């Protein structure tokens, strides 16, 4: 977006600022007087997606944080952030909402609290960016949909992987038509187990590994592949490792796409501690004319008919899910958020029924 003229800048209201590209450093001079006021509730998810943009975003002010039942270790780590340390502190989200004037609430609390927290913000007509998924069951998800619609708030969701350079490059290649019609997708998420916070050991607060983790892979496949998922079958299990409680450590889901193609997603917490990093995320998209895939060890590679294999080195810069949410035209749209939640909830349901589950459109 082009910069506004200096005359227009002087007349911008807070509402106009909120509708603009709030986080970008190039707009820093717009926020000398008026800032977007943010409250952060919980440190159990990915609060770093909010906190990491603040040093370069003078137009965003973290005015309050609420522990909201967070794991003590996560809370202690979060409070070491200088922006969080300077903010007003509360024990509960409700107290923060009652005492602060906010423009946006970032919800990084556990899954068992999330739906009620979104609805509490919607009742006050406060825009929300929330952890994923939006709810752990059908009734709560429908209640969130209803309250968001009635309130008219903007609701975003923390799906940061879609803003990573490799997946941005893959989406660009698929959209260009270089690999033809997408017929097959495969995604992997493999993590080191490590010590688990207490909330992840209980289904009431964790939900399931499909609900907590799969939504990233599902969103990536939907975003990069450009197809719609229509039904899904899943398995998920907790094998060995009794110390992790209810948490499943192996899962697999298979989806049928709207054009008859298929997609698969496997996840595990079996990555050895000796591995070079915490996670091993992979994505492969195959079409009628070629294949594009990503894994950390090889980067983004493109295989096309009649051409030698090519490593894609021209990558987009790292994006931000939070700054995208604050922009006037987010690329993570409400229909995309709904699609990711519906496919994820259906995948989790399929793991319980051991059959195919239709995905609402």
Protein backbone atom coordinates (compact mmCIF):
# COMPACT_ATOMS: atom_id res chain seq x y z
CA UNK A 1 0.00 0.00 0.00
CA UNK A 2 1.28 3.47 -0.86
CA UNK A 3 1.90 5.96 1.90
CA UNK A 4 -0.84 8.52 2.42
CA UNK A 5 -0.11 12.17 1.76
CA UNK A 6 1.13 14.18 4.72
CA UNK A 7 -2.21 16.02 4.91
CA UNK A 8 -4.15 12.78 5.11
CA UNK A 9 -1.79 11.42 7.76
CA UNK A 10 -2.62 14.28 10.08
CA UNK A 11 -6.33 13.55 9.88
CA UNK A 12 -6.20 9.80 10.46
CA UNK A 13 -8.38 8.68 13.38
CA UNK A 14 -7.72 5.58 15.51
CA UNK A 15 -10.34 3.74 13.48
CA UNK A 16 -8.56 4.66 10.26
CA UNK A 17 -5.26 3.56 11.76
CA UNK A 18 -6.77 0.27 12.80
CA UNK A 19 -7.91 -0.27 9.23
CA UNK A 20 -4.42 0.42 7.90
CA UNK A 21 -1.13 -1.46 7.75
CA UNK A 22 -0.49 -1.04 11.43
CA UNK A 23 2.55 -3.09 12.13
CA UNK A 24 4.87 -2.19 9.32
CA UNK A 25 7.93 -0.20 10.33
CA UNK A 26 7.54 2.01 7.29
CA UNK A 27 4.34 3.41 8.81
CA UNK A 28 5.97 4.15 12.16
CA UNK A 29 5.50 7.91 11.83
CA UNK A 30 1.71 7.44 11.67
CA UNK A 31 1.51 6.37 15.30
CA UNK A 32 3.16 9.18 17.19
CA UNK A 33 -0.14 10.08 18.86
CA UNK A 34 -2.52 7.17 18.40
CA UNK A 35 -1.71 3.49 18.74
CA UNK A 36 -3.55 0.22 18.49
CA UNK A 37 -3.99 -1.02 22.05
CA UNK A 38 -3.49 -4.77 22.45
CA UNK A 39 -4.23 -7.08 25.35
CA UNK A 40 -2.59 -10.52 25.49
CA UNK A 41 -4.28 -13.36 27.38
CA UNK A 42 -2.30 -16.52 28.03
CA UNK A 43 1.20 -17.74 27.22
CA UNK A 44 0.36 -21.38 26.48
CA UNK A 45 0.29 -21.08 22.72
CA UNK A 46 2.41 -18.89 20.48
CA UNK A 47 2.57 -15.44 22.11
CA UNK A 48 5.85 -14.86 20.29
CA UNK A 49 3.78 -14.23 17.14
CA UNK A 50 2.51 -11.10 18.89
CA UNK A 51 5.59 -10.16 20.87
CA UNK A 52 8.17 -10.48 18.10
CA UNK A 53 6.69 -7.71 15.95
CA UNK A 54 6.50 -5.11 18.73
CA UNK A 55 10.11 -3.83 18.59
CA UNK A 56 9.63 -2.77 14.96
CA UNK A 57 5.98 -1.70 15.34
CA UNK A 58 5.60 1.57 17.25
CA UNK A 59 2.00 1.74 16.11
CA UNK A 60 1.11 -1.24 18.31
CA UNK A 61 1.07 -0.96 22.10
CA UNK A 62 0.85 -3.99 24.38
CA UNK A 63 -1.03 -2.38 27.24
CA UNK A 64 -2.04 -5.44 29.28
CA UNK A 65 -1.36 -9.14 29.74
CA UNK A 66 -3.41 -11.75 31.60
CA UNK A 67 -1.98 -15.05 32.82
CA UNK A 68 -5.36 -16.67 32.21
CA UNK A 69 -4.38 -20.08 33.59
CA UNK A 70 -1.09 -20.36 31.73
CA UNK A 71 1.53 -22.95 32.57
CA UNK A 72 3.90 -21.41 35.11
CA UNK A 73 7.02 -22.03 33.04
CA UNK A 74 5.45 -20.46 29.96
CA UNK A 75 4.23 -17.52 32.03
CA UNK A 76 7.67 -16.93 33.55
CA UNK A 77 9.27 -17.04 30.10
CA UNK A 78 6.68 -14.68 28.67
CA UNK A 79 7.13 -12.13 31.43
CA UNK A 80 10.82 -11.88 30.58
CA UNK A 81 9.80 -10.08 27.42
CA UNK A 82 10.30 -6.36 28.00
CA UNK A 83 6.96 -5.39 26.44
CA UNK A 84 5.04 -7.91 28.54
CA UNK A 85 6.92 -6.87 31.67
CA UNK A 86 5.93 -3.20 31.17
CA UNK A 87 2.25 -3.96 30.52
CA UNK A 88 -0.50 -4.01 33.15
CA UNK A 89 -0.76 -7.49 34.64
CA UNK A 90 -3.92 -9.46 35.42
CA UNK A 91 -4.63 -12.98 36.56
CA UNK A 92 -7.72 -13.51 34.40
CA UNK A 93 -8.96 -12.40 30.99
CA UNK A 94 -12.24 -11.13 32.44
CA UNK A 95 -10.39 -8.75 34.77
CA UNK A 96 -8.30 -7.43 31.90
CA UNK A 97 -11.38 -6.85 29.76
CA UNK A 98 -13.16 -5.08 32.61
CA UNK A 99 -10.34 -2.63 33.36
CA UNK A 100 -8.64 -1.91 30.03
CA UNK A 101 -9.59 -0.03 26.88
CA UNK A 102 -8.42 -2.29 24.07
CA UNK A 103 -8.62 -2.45 20.30
CA UNK A 104 -7.43 -6.04 19.90
CA UNK A 105 -7.20 -9.06 22.18
CA UNK A 106 -4.66 -11.79 21.41
CA UNK A 107 -5.73 -15.12 22.91
CA UNK A 108 -2.87 -17.55 23.55
CA UNK A 109 -4.59 -19.54 26.28
CA UNK A 110 -5.22 -23.29 26.26
CA UNK A 111 -7.79 -24.95 24.03
CA UNK A 112 -10.28 -25.57 26.82
CA UNK A 113 -10.59 -21.83 27.47
CA UNK A 114 -10.49 -20.54 23.92
CA UNK A 115 -14.09 -20.65 22.72
CA UNK A 116 -15.44 -18.97 25.87
CA UNK A 117 -12.66 -16.35 25.67
CA UNK A 118 -13.50 -15.48 22.06
CA UNK A 119 -17.16 -15.15 22.98
CA UNK A 120 -16.34 -12.90 25.94
CA UNK A 121 -14.41 -10.58 23.63
CA UNK A 122 -17.17 -10.67 21.02
CA UNK A 123 -19.68 -9.62 23.70
CA UNK A 124 -17.56 -6.47 24.20
CA UNK A 125 -17.13 -6.03 20.43
CA UNK A 126 -13.35 -6.43 20.68
CA UNK A 127 -11.41 -7.70 17.68
CA UNK A 128 -9.59 -10.96 18.41
CA UNK A 129 -6.69 -12.95 17.07
CA UNK A 130 -6.79 -16.38 18.68
CA UNK A 131 -4.80 -19.56 18.94
CA UNK A 132 -6.01 -22.52 16.95
CA UNK A 133 -8.38 -24.23 16.74
CA UNK A 134 -11.14 -21.82 17.66
CA UNK A 135 -12.91 -24.56 19.65
CA UNK A 136 -12.51 -28.22 20.61
CA UNK A 137 -16.01 -29.41 19.71
CA UNK A 138 -18.92 -28.75 17.35
CA UNK A 139 -21.18 -26.96 19.82
CA UNK A 140 -18.49 -24.52 20.93
CA UNK A 141 -17.35 -23.84 17.37
CA UNK A 142 -20.92 -23.07 16.26
CA UNK A 143 -21.33 -20.76 19.27
CA UNK A 144 -18.13 -18.91 18.27
CA UNK A 145 -19.37 -18.54 14.69
CA UNK A 146 -22.72 -17.19 15.91
CA UNK A 147 -21.26 -14.67 18.35
CA UNK A 148 -18.66 -13.41 15.89
CA UNK A 149 -21.35 -12.90 13.26
CA UNK A 150 -23.64 -11.06 15.68
CA UNK A 151 -20.91 -8.83 17.07
CA UNK A 152 -19.32 -7.95 13.73
CA UNK A 153 -15.79 -8.22 15.14
CA UNK A 154 -12.77 -9.26 13.14
CA UNK A 155 -11.54 -12.69 14.24
CA UNK A 156 -8.10 -13.90 13.18
CA UNK A 157 -6.25 -17.11 14.02
CA UNK A 158 -2.58 -17.87 14.65
CA UNK A 159 -1.60 -19.84 11.56
CA UNK A 160 1.91 -18.45 11.09
CA UNK A 161 3.32 -21.19 8.83
CA UNK A 162 1.42 -19.89 5.80
CA UNK A 163 3.61 -16.77 6.03
CA UNK A 164 6.91 -18.70 5.93
CA UNK A 165 9.00 -18.07 2.78
CA UNK A 166 9.10 -21.70 1.50
CA UNK A 167 5.32 -22.07 1.54
CA UNK A 168 4.80 -18.63 -0.01
CA UNK A 169 7.08 -19.77 -2.84
CA UNK A 170 5.23 -23.05 -3.25
CA UNK A 171 1.88 -21.28 -3.44
CA UNK A 172 3.24 -18.91 -6.09
CA UNK A 173 4.43 -21.88 -8.18
CA UNK A 174 1.11 -23.72 -7.90
CA UNK A 175 -0.87 -20.59 -8.77
CA UNK A 176 1.33 -19.99 -11.82
CA UNK A 177 0.16 -23.32 -13.26
CA UNK A 178 3.67 -24.75 -13.51
CA UNK A 179 2.68 -28.09 -11.97
CA UNK A 180 -0.77 -28.22 -13.56
CA UNK A 181 -3.87 -29.38 -11.69
CA UNK A 182 -3.12 -30.45 -8.13
CA UNK A 183 -4.03 -34.11 -7.56
CA UNK A 184 -1.93 -35.18 -4.57
CA UNK A 185 -0.58 -33.49 -1.44
CA UNK A 186 1.42 -34.90 1.45
CA UNK A 187 2.32 -33.03 4.64
CA UNK A 188 4.42 -34.08 7.62
CA UNK A 189 4.87 -32.59 11.07
CA UNK A 190 7.37 -34.42 13.28
CA UNK A 191 8.35 -32.90 16.63
CA UNK A 192 10.62 -33.67 19.54
CA UNK A 193 8.58 -34.63 22.58
CA UNK A 194 10.55 -32.95 25.34
CA UNK A 195 8.87 -31.93 28.60
CA UNK A 196 5.17 -31.23 28.07
CA UNK A 197 3.21 -28.55 29.95
CA UNK A 198 0.43 -29.85 32.17
CA UNK A 199 -2.39 -28.48 29.99
CA UNK A 200 -1.25 -30.62 27.05
CA UNK A 201 -1.61 -33.81 29.12
CA UNK A 202 -5.40 -33.49 29.50
CA UNK A 203 -8.00 -33.77 26.75
CA UNK A 204 -10.17 -31.07 28.33
CA UNK A 205 -7.48 -28.44 27.79
CA UNK A 206 -5.48 -29.95 24.93
CA UNK A 207 -8.23 -31.47 22.83
CA UNK A 208 -6.07 -33.77 20.72
CA UNK A 209 -2.90 -33.71 18.66
CA UNK A 210 -5.02 -33.47 15.50
CA UNK A 211 -6.82 -30.42 16.90
CA UNK A 212 -3.68 -28.71 18.20
CA UNK A 213 -1.16 -29.51 15.44
CA UNK A 214 -2.95 -30.77 12.31
CA UNK A 215 -4.61 -27.45 11.62
CA UNK A 216 -1.21 -26.05 10.56
CA UNK A 217 -0.70 -28.76 7.94
CA UNK A 218 -4.33 -28.60 6.83
CA UNK A 219 -4.18 -24.85 6.36
CA UNK A 220 -0.93 -25.13 4.42
CA UNK A 221 -2.36 -27.72 2.05
CA UNK A 222 -5.52 -25.71 1.49
CA UNK A 223 -3.55 -22.50 0.97
CA UNK A 224 -0.75 -23.86 -1.20
CA UNK A 225 -2.75 -26.44 -3.16
CA UNK A 226 -5.77 -24.26 -3.76
CA UNK A 227 -8.19 -27.18 -3.54
CA UNK A 228 -11.07 -27.83 -1.15
CA UNK A 229 -11.27 -30.88 1.16
CA UNK A 230 -14.60 -32.70 1.13
CA UNK A 231 -14.09 -35.71 3.44
CA UNK A 232 -11.49 -37.20 5.76
CA UNK A 233 -10.53 -40.39 7.61
CA UNK A 234 -8.06 -40.37 10.53
CA UNK A 235 -6.24 -42.39 13.14
CA UNK A 236 -4.49 -41.04 16.22
CA UNK A 237 -2.97 -42.90 19.14
CA UNK A 238 -0.98 -42.55 22.33
CA UNK A 239 1.68 -45.25 22.28
CA UNK A 240 4.27 -45.63 25.08
CA UNK A 241 5.44 -42.46 26.90
CA UNK A 242 2.95 -42.65 29.83
CA UNK A 243 4.21 -39.32 31.17
CA UNK A 244 2.32 -37.39 28.48
CA UNK A 245 -1.13 -38.32 29.77
CA UNK A 246 -3.96 -37.99 27.23
CA UNK A 247 -1.73 -36.53 24.52
CA UNK A 248 -1.55 -38.56 21.28
CA UNK A 249 1.94 -38.93 19.81
CA UNK A 250 1.15 -40.51 16.40
CA UNK A 251 -1.57 -39.49 13.93
CA UNK A 252 -2.47 -39.88 10.26
CA UNK A 253 -5.26 -38.36 8.17
CA UNK A 254 -6.25 -38.75 4.53
CA UNK A 255 -8.45 -36.25 2.72
CA UNK A 256 -10.40 -36.39 -0.52
CA UNK A 257 -10.20 -33.19 -2.52
CA UNK A 258 -13.00 -31.58 -4.47
CA UNK A 259 -11.51 -32.70 -7.80
CA UNK A 260 -11.08 -36.33 -6.74
CA UNK A 261 -7.45 -35.97 -5.71
CA UNK A 262 -6.12 -37.00 -2.32
CA UNK A 263 -4.07 -35.44 0.47
CA UNK A 264 -2.40 -36.99 3.50
CA UNK A 265 -1.06 -35.61 6.76
CA UNK A 266 1.08 -37.49 9.27
CA UNK A 267 2.20 -36.16 12.64
CA UNK A 268 4.29 -37.53 15.46
CA UNK A 269 6.19 -36.57 18.59
CA UNK A 270 8.98 -39.06 17.86
CA UNK A 271 11.76 -36.83 16.53
CA UNK A 272 14.95 -37.72 18.46
CA UNK A 273 16.60 -35.18 20.73
CA UNK A 274 19.77 -35.62 18.67
CA UNK A 275 18.06 -34.09 15.63
CA UNK A 276 19.20 -30.68 14.50
CA UNK A 277 16.01 -28.89 15.50
CA UNK A 278 12.67 -29.29 17.27
CA UNK A 279 10.54 -29.91 14.19
CA UNK A 280 10.68 -31.51 10.76
CA UNK A 281 7.91 -30.02 8.62
CA UNK A 282 7.49 -31.14 5.03
CA UNK A 283 5.04 -30.47 2.21
CA UNK A 284 4.77 -32.06 -1.22
CA UNK A 285 2.27 -30.95 -3.88
CA UNK A 286 1.96 -33.02 -7.08
CA UNK A 287 0.06 -31.99 -10.19
CA UNK A 288 -0.54 -33.10 -13.75
CA UNK A 289 2.62 -31.29 -14.94
CA UNK A 290 5.05 -31.65 -12.06
CA UNK A 291 5.82 -31.64 -8.35
CA UNK A 292 6.90 -28.95 -5.91
CA UNK A 293 8.05 -29.89 -2.43
CA UNK A 294 9.74 -28.52 0.65
CA UNK A 295 11.81 -29.99 3.42
CA UNK A 296 14.41 -28.17 5.46
CA UNK A 297 17.32 -30.27 4.27
CA UNK A 298 16.71 -29.65 0.57
CA UNK A 299 14.69 -26.43 0.45
CA UNK A 300 11.94 -25.82 -2.10
CA UNK A 301 12.44 -27.99 -5.19
CA UNK A 302 10.50 -28.02 -8.45
CA UNK A 303 10.26 -30.96 -10.85
CA UNK A 304 8.53 -30.29 -14.18
CA UNK A 305 8.09 -32.24 -17.36
CA UNK A 306 10.84 -31.45 -19.83
CA UNK A 307 13.02 -29.54 -17.34
CA UNK A 308 15.79 -30.52 -14.91
CA UNK A 309 15.09 -30.38 -11.15
CA UNK A 310 15.39 -26.86 -9.79
CA UNK A 311 15.94 -25.51 -6.29
CA UNK A 312 13.90 -22.35 -5.78
CA UNK A 313 16.15 -19.72 -4.24
CA UNK A 314 14.05 -16.61 -4.89
CA UNK A 315 11.99 -16.66 -1.70
CA UNK A 316 9.63 -14.05 -0.33
CA UNK A 317 10.52 -12.35 2.97
CA UNK A 318 9.13 -13.75 6.20
CA UNK A 319 5.60 -12.58 6.86
CA UNK A 320 3.66 -12.09 10.09
CA UNK A 321 0.25 -13.53 10.87
CA UNK A 322 -0.37 -10.74 13.41
CA UNK A 323 0.52 -7.91 11.04
CA UNK A 324 -1.57 -9.57 8.34
CA UNK A 325 -4.50 -9.62 10.76
CA UNK A 326 -4.11 -5.90 11.39
CA UNK A 327 -3.91 -5.02 7.72
CA UNK A 328 -6.94 -3.59 5.85
CA UNK A 329 -7.19 -6.70 3.65
CA UNK A 330 -5.84 -9.78 5.48
CA UNK A 331 -4.67 -12.64 3.29
CA UNK A 332 -5.88 -15.04 6.00
CA UNK A 333 -9.58 -14.49 5.41
CA UNK A 334 -12.59 -15.54 7.46
CA UNK A 335 -13.66 -18.24 4.93
CA UNK A 336 -10.14 -19.70 5.09
CA UNK A 337 -10.25 -19.74 8.90
CA UNK A 338 -13.60 -21.53 8.79
CA UNK A 339 -12.30 -24.03 6.21
CA UNK A 340 -9.27 -24.89 8.36
CA UNK A 341 -11.37 -25.32 11.51
CA UNK A 342 -14.00 -27.44 9.75
CA UNK A 343 -11.45 -29.76 8.16
CA UNK A 344 -9.55 -30.12 11.45
CA UNK A 345 -12.64 -30.83 13.52
CA UNK A 346 -13.79 -33.38 10.93
CA UNK A 347 -10.35 -35.05 11.01
CA UNK A 348 -10.53 -35.32 14.79
CA UNK A 349 -14.08 -36.71 14.63
CA UNK A 350 -12.96 -39.27 12.07
CA UNK A 351 -10.29 -40.51 14.47
CA UNK A 352 -13.03 -41.28 16.99
CA UNK A 353 -15.43 -42.95 14.54
CA UNK A 354 -12.81 -44.82 12.47
CA UNK A 355 -14.64 -43.87 9.28
CA UNK A 356 -14.86 -41.13 6.69
CA UNK A 357 -16.40 -37.85 7.86
CA UNK A 358 -17.80 -35.27 5.47
CA UNK A 359 -16.29 -31.79 5.76
CA UNK A 360 -18.91 -29.00 5.73
CA UNK A 361 -18.49 -26.38 3.03
